[in-house]
């Protein structure tokens, strides 16, 4: 529950305490409600929001183990927290009975399998990620569902990149993914991509740490017959394109 105004915050807290005192909610429920309150008085992605949320941001020390995070877009596991309740109404695209989430999942595990054979540490994540999650690379896998004439892939970084590395990751991934898959790069992003909830630590608790180099990739368009066929029958190529981008980025950074 994002709250931007101090008076609103005081009102919510007063109401919760009153409900608890009158035994209308128990202590466990009170704690659940309190844990979902996110007071953030500054604009999304702003420097003020950054230092309000992370006072020690400039002194952040990354873990010594290099970690690659692959998120399976739209994969819902467990209870959906209040702040992400809109996810329950999503679920990703479904075309001719084929679910986007299943494509995302299959490719994610191919990436993990191949990279782990080369001794990389890979973590697979569902739609809901831990609070303040950090990785050396975070890639969210999706498949687009534009009109049937659109063919190709799209990649976006967060609206503002505080890692200083996301644009490098994006450029490398565009080159390697297009070389491996032969799919066309669509040089366009949407606000749903740049403000993707997993990027948006200024609005959601369950988001990546802003030092995490991150991209979201729409691997192809499910409503285009050729793209859909490729997404279903060339998952090894798709995985290899993403893997080549990951490895080259890590070598250069």
Protein backbone atom coordinates (compact mmCIF):
# COMPACT_ATOMS: atom_id res chain seq x y z
CA UNK A 1 0.00 0.00 0.00
CA UNK A 2 1.82 3.11 -1.26
CA UNK A 3 1.21 6.21 0.86
CA UNK A 4 2.67 9.55 -0.23
CA UNK A 5 1.12 11.92 2.31
CA UNK A 6 2.02 12.02 6.02
CA UNK A 7 -1.57 12.84 7.03
CA UNK A 8 -2.80 9.82 5.09
CA UNK A 9 -0.20 7.67 6.85
CA UNK A 10 -1.30 8.93 10.28
CA UNK A 11 -4.96 8.27 9.41
CA UNK A 12 -4.22 4.69 8.30
CA UNK A 13 -2.13 3.94 11.39
CA UNK A 14 -4.76 5.42 13.72
CA UNK A 15 -7.49 3.35 12.06
CA UNK A 16 -5.48 0.14 12.35
CA UNK A 17 -4.67 0.73 16.02
CA UNK A 18 -8.34 1.53 16.74
CA UNK A 19 -9.49 -1.65 15.00
CA UNK A 20 -6.95 -3.65 16.97
CA UNK A 21 -7.93 -2.06 20.30
CA UNK A 22 -11.57 -2.86 19.60
CA UNK A 23 -10.65 -6.47 18.74
CA UNK A 24 -11.89 -6.11 15.17
CA UNK A 25 -8.50 -7.29 13.93
CA UNK A 26 -6.04 -9.40 15.90
CA UNK A 27 -2.33 -8.73 16.46
CA UNK A 28 -1.26 -10.95 13.57
CA UNK A 29 -3.59 -9.14 11.17
CA UNK A 30 -2.34 -5.78 12.45
CA UNK A 31 1.24 -6.79 11.71
CA UNK A 32 0.24 -7.99 8.24
CA UNK A 33 -1.39 -4.64 7.47
CA UNK A 34 1.57 -2.70 8.84
CA UNK A 35 4.02 -4.72 6.77
CA UNK A 36 2.16 -3.71 3.60
CA UNK A 37 2.33 0.02 4.29
CA UNK A 38 4.95 1.75 2.14
CA UNK A 39 5.45 5.42 2.96
CA UNK A 40 7.23 7.13 0.07
CA UNK A 41 6.65 10.89 -0.16
CA UNK A 42 8.88 11.48 -3.19
CA UNK A 43 8.30 11.01 -6.96
CA UNK A 44 8.98 7.64 -8.59
CA UNK A 45 12.65 6.92 -9.33
CA UNK A 46 13.72 10.35 -8.02
CA UNK A 47 17.02 10.90 -6.18
CA UNK A 48 14.99 11.95 -3.13
CA UNK A 49 13.08 8.66 -3.22
CA UNK A 50 16.35 6.77 -3.67
CA UNK A 51 18.04 8.18 -0.57
CA UNK A 52 14.84 8.10 1.47
CA UNK A 53 14.55 4.36 0.79
CA UNK A 54 18.29 3.59 0.80
CA UNK A 55 20.17 6.06 3.03
CA UNK A 56 23.41 4.08 2.56
CA UNK A 57 23.00 3.65 -1.19
CA UNK A 58 26.41 5.17 -2.02
CA UNK A 59 28.15 2.68 0.29
CA UNK A 60 26.33 -0.40 -0.95
CA UNK A 61 28.57 -3.47 -1.10
CA UNK A 62 27.48 -6.21 -3.48
CA UNK A 63 27.82 -9.87 -2.42
CA UNK A 64 31.04 -11.59 -3.48
CA UNK A 65 29.18 -14.38 -5.32
CA UNK A 66 28.12 -13.42 -8.84
CA UNK A 67 24.41 -14.12 -9.21
CA UNK A 68 22.28 -14.20 -12.36
CA UNK A 69 18.54 -13.79 -11.78
CA UNK A 70 16.02 -14.94 -14.39
CA UNK A 71 12.43 -14.00 -13.68
CA UNK A 72 9.61 -16.02 -15.24
CA UNK A 73 7.13 -13.35 -16.23
CA UNK A 74 3.59 -13.91 -14.89
CA UNK A 75 4.47 -17.01 -12.85
CA UNK A 76 2.44 -16.69 -9.64
CA UNK A 77 3.52 -18.81 -6.69
CA UNK A 78 2.05 -18.53 -3.19
CA UNK A 79 -0.07 -15.70 -1.84
CA UNK A 80 -0.13 -12.39 -3.71
CA UNK A 81 0.81 -9.49 -1.42
CA UNK A 82 -1.56 -6.54 -1.24
CA UNK A 83 0.76 -4.19 -3.14
CA UNK A 84 0.88 -6.59 -6.11
CA UNK A 85 -2.78 -7.61 -6.14
CA UNK A 86 -3.13 -6.42 -9.75
CA UNK A 87 -0.92 -9.32 -10.81
CA UNK A 88 -3.79 -11.71 -10.11
CA UNK A 89 -5.76 -10.04 -12.89
CA UNK A 90 -2.93 -10.46 -15.37
CA UNK A 91 -1.52 -13.90 -16.08
CA UNK A 92 0.13 -12.99 -19.35
CA UNK A 93 -0.99 -13.57 -22.91
CA UNK A 94 -2.93 -16.63 -24.04
CA UNK A 95 -3.01 -17.31 -27.81
CA UNK A 96 -4.81 -20.36 -29.21
CA UNK A 97 -4.73 -21.90 -25.75
CA UNK A 98 -0.96 -21.38 -25.46
CA UNK A 99 0.04 -19.56 -22.26
CA UNK A 100 2.82 -17.01 -22.27
CA UNK A 101 3.89 -18.05 -18.78
CA UNK A 102 4.67 -21.59 -20.00
CA UNK A 103 6.94 -20.24 -22.75
CA UNK A 104 8.69 -17.96 -20.27
CA UNK A 105 9.13 -20.84 -17.84
CA UNK A 106 10.55 -23.28 -20.39
CA UNK A 107 13.12 -20.78 -21.65
CA UNK A 108 14.09 -19.70 -18.13
CA UNK A 109 14.95 -23.25 -17.12
CA UNK A 110 16.89 -23.83 -20.36
CA UNK A 111 18.99 -20.76 -19.53
CA UNK A 112 19.56 -22.04 -16.01
CA UNK A 113 20.47 -25.53 -17.16
CA UNK A 114 23.04 -24.35 -19.72
CA UNK A 115 24.65 -21.73 -17.48
CA UNK A 116 24.90 -24.03 -14.49
CA UNK A 117 26.84 -26.54 -16.58
CA UNK A 118 29.39 -23.75 -16.98
CA UNK A 119 29.43 -23.12 -13.21
CA UNK A 120 27.40 -19.90 -13.19
CA UNK A 121 25.09 -19.31 -10.23
CA UNK A 122 21.54 -18.82 -11.54
CA UNK A 123 18.41 -18.11 -9.54
CA UNK A 124 14.96 -18.57 -11.08
CA UNK A 125 12.34 -16.16 -9.74
CA UNK A 126 8.53 -16.11 -10.05
CA UNK A 127 6.53 -12.93 -10.58
CA UNK A 128 6.73 -12.03 -6.88
CA UNK A 129 10.34 -11.45 -5.87
CA UNK A 130 11.88 -10.86 -2.43
CA UNK A 131 12.11 -7.33 -1.05
CA UNK A 132 15.21 -5.35 -2.10
CA UNK A 133 16.45 -8.24 -4.22
CA UNK A 134 19.98 -7.89 -5.60
CA UNK A 135 21.68 -9.74 -8.45
CA UNK A 136 24.57 -8.98 -10.79
CA UNK A 137 22.10 -9.37 -13.65
CA UNK A 138 18.30 -9.43 -13.49
CA UNK A 139 16.40 -10.44 -16.63
CA UNK A 140 12.62 -10.66 -16.74
CA UNK A 141 11.36 -12.96 -19.52
CA UNK A 142 8.12 -12.16 -21.33
CA UNK A 143 6.46 -12.68 -24.71
CA UNK A 144 4.60 -9.83 -26.35
CA UNK A 145 1.00 -9.93 -27.63
CA UNK A 146 0.79 -7.08 -30.12
CA UNK A 147 -1.09 -7.16 -33.44
CA UNK A 148 -0.53 -10.09 -35.80
CA UNK A 149 1.64 -8.06 -38.19
CA UNK A 150 4.24 -7.09 -35.59
CA UNK A 151 7.29 -9.32 -35.49
CA UNK A 152 10.38 -9.03 -33.34
CA UNK A 153 11.62 -8.54 -29.80
CA UNK A 154 11.74 -5.58 -27.40
CA UNK A 155 14.07 -4.81 -24.50
CA UNK A 156 13.80 -2.12 -21.83
CA UNK A 157 15.82 -0.95 -18.86
CA UNK A 158 14.28 0.74 -15.79
CA UNK A 159 13.00 4.31 -16.27
CA UNK A 160 16.11 5.53 -14.43
CA UNK A 161 19.08 3.21 -14.07
CA UNK A 162 20.90 3.71 -10.77
CA UNK A 163 23.14 0.69 -11.39
CA UNK A 164 24.91 2.54 -14.20
CA UNK A 165 25.09 -0.73 -16.17
CA UNK A 166 21.61 -1.52 -17.46
CA UNK A 167 22.06 0.27 -20.78
CA UNK A 168 25.29 -1.69 -21.40
CA UNK A 169 23.39 -4.90 -20.68
CA UNK A 170 20.59 -3.84 -23.03
CA UNK A 171 22.94 -3.04 -25.94
CA UNK A 172 24.84 -6.30 -25.57
CA UNK A 173 21.62 -8.30 -25.30
CA UNK A 174 20.10 -6.69 -28.39
CA UNK A 175 23.16 -7.57 -30.44
CA UNK A 176 23.56 -11.15 -29.19
CA UNK A 177 19.85 -12.02 -29.16
CA UNK A 178 19.27 -10.73 -32.69
CA UNK A 179 22.38 -12.53 -34.00
CA UNK A 180 21.33 -15.86 -32.49
CA UNK A 181 17.58 -15.74 -33.20
CA UNK A 182 17.54 -13.59 -36.37
CA UNK A 183 14.50 -11.82 -34.91
CA UNK A 184 14.13 -8.11 -35.58
CA UNK A 185 14.73 -5.66 -32.73
CA UNK A 186 11.76 -3.34 -32.24
CA UNK A 187 13.26 -0.06 -31.05
CA UNK A 188 10.37 0.89 -28.81
CA UNK A 189 9.46 0.57 -25.14
CA UNK A 190 6.26 1.07 -23.17
CA UNK A 191 5.71 2.58 -19.74
CA UNK A 192 4.75 -0.91 -18.56
CA UNK A 193 8.33 -1.91 -19.36
CA UNK A 194 10.24 1.12 -18.06
CA UNK A 195 8.08 1.25 -14.90
CA UNK A 196 7.86 -2.52 -14.51
CA UNK A 197 6.95 -3.24 -10.89
CA UNK A 198 10.04 -5.38 -10.26
CA UNK A 199 12.19 -2.36 -11.25
CA UNK A 200 10.16 0.12 -9.25
CA UNK A 201 11.67 0.12 -5.75
CA UNK A 202 10.26 3.65 -5.30
CA UNK A 203 6.70 2.30 -5.42
CA UNK A 204 6.90 -1.36 -4.38
CA UNK A 205 8.66 -3.15 -1.55
CA UNK A 206 9.02 -6.32 -3.59
CA UNK A 207 11.37 -4.93 -6.18
CA UNK A 208 15.02 -5.25 -7.09
CA UNK A 209 17.66 -3.15 -5.37
CA UNK A 210 18.42 -0.11 -7.60
CA UNK A 211 22.07 -1.21 -7.92
CA UNK A 212 20.92 -4.29 -9.87
CA UNK A 213 21.57 -4.10 -13.65
CA UNK A 214 18.19 -5.10 -15.06
CA UNK A 215 16.26 -5.53 -18.29
CA UNK A 216 12.88 -6.84 -19.32
CA UNK A 217 12.73 -8.66 -22.65
CA UNK A 218 9.69 -9.36 -24.80
CA UNK A 219 11.21 -12.35 -26.62
CA UNK A 220 8.78 -12.28 -29.55
CA UNK A 221 5.14 -11.58 -30.40
CA UNK A 222 2.74 -14.43 -29.68
CA UNK A 223 0.06 -12.99 -31.99
CA UNK A 224 2.40 -13.17 -34.97
CA UNK A 225 2.34 -16.71 -36.41
CA UNK A 226 6.04 -16.79 -37.28
CA UNK A 227 7.09 -15.42 -33.90
CA UNK A 228 4.84 -17.81 -32.02
CA UNK A 229 6.22 -20.75 -33.98
CA UNK A 230 9.74 -19.59 -33.14
CA UNK A 231 8.92 -19.15 -29.44
CA UNK A 232 7.56 -22.71 -29.31
CA UNK A 233 10.07 -24.55 -31.49
CA UNK A 234 13.35 -22.67 -31.10
CA UNK A 235 13.64 -22.25 -27.35
CA UNK A 236 17.23 -23.48 -27.37
CA UNK A 237 18.20 -20.66 -29.76
CA UNK A 238 16.34 -18.12 -27.65
CA UNK A 239 18.06 -19.34 -24.50
CA UNK A 240 21.47 -19.27 -26.19
CA UNK A 241 20.93 -15.72 -27.42
CA UNK A 242 20.17 -14.56 -23.90
CA UNK A 243 23.05 -16.59 -22.45
CA UNK A 244 25.54 -15.05 -24.89
CA UNK A 245 24.36 -11.60 -23.81
CA UNK A 246 24.70 -12.50 -20.14
CA UNK A 247 28.20 -13.94 -20.48
CA UNK A 248 29.51 -11.06 -22.57
CA UNK A 249 28.09 -8.53 -20.12
CA UNK A 250 29.73 -10.27 -17.16
CA UNK A 251 33.05 -10.43 -19.00
CA UNK A 252 32.95 -6.68 -19.65
CA UNK A 253 31.69 -5.75 -16.17
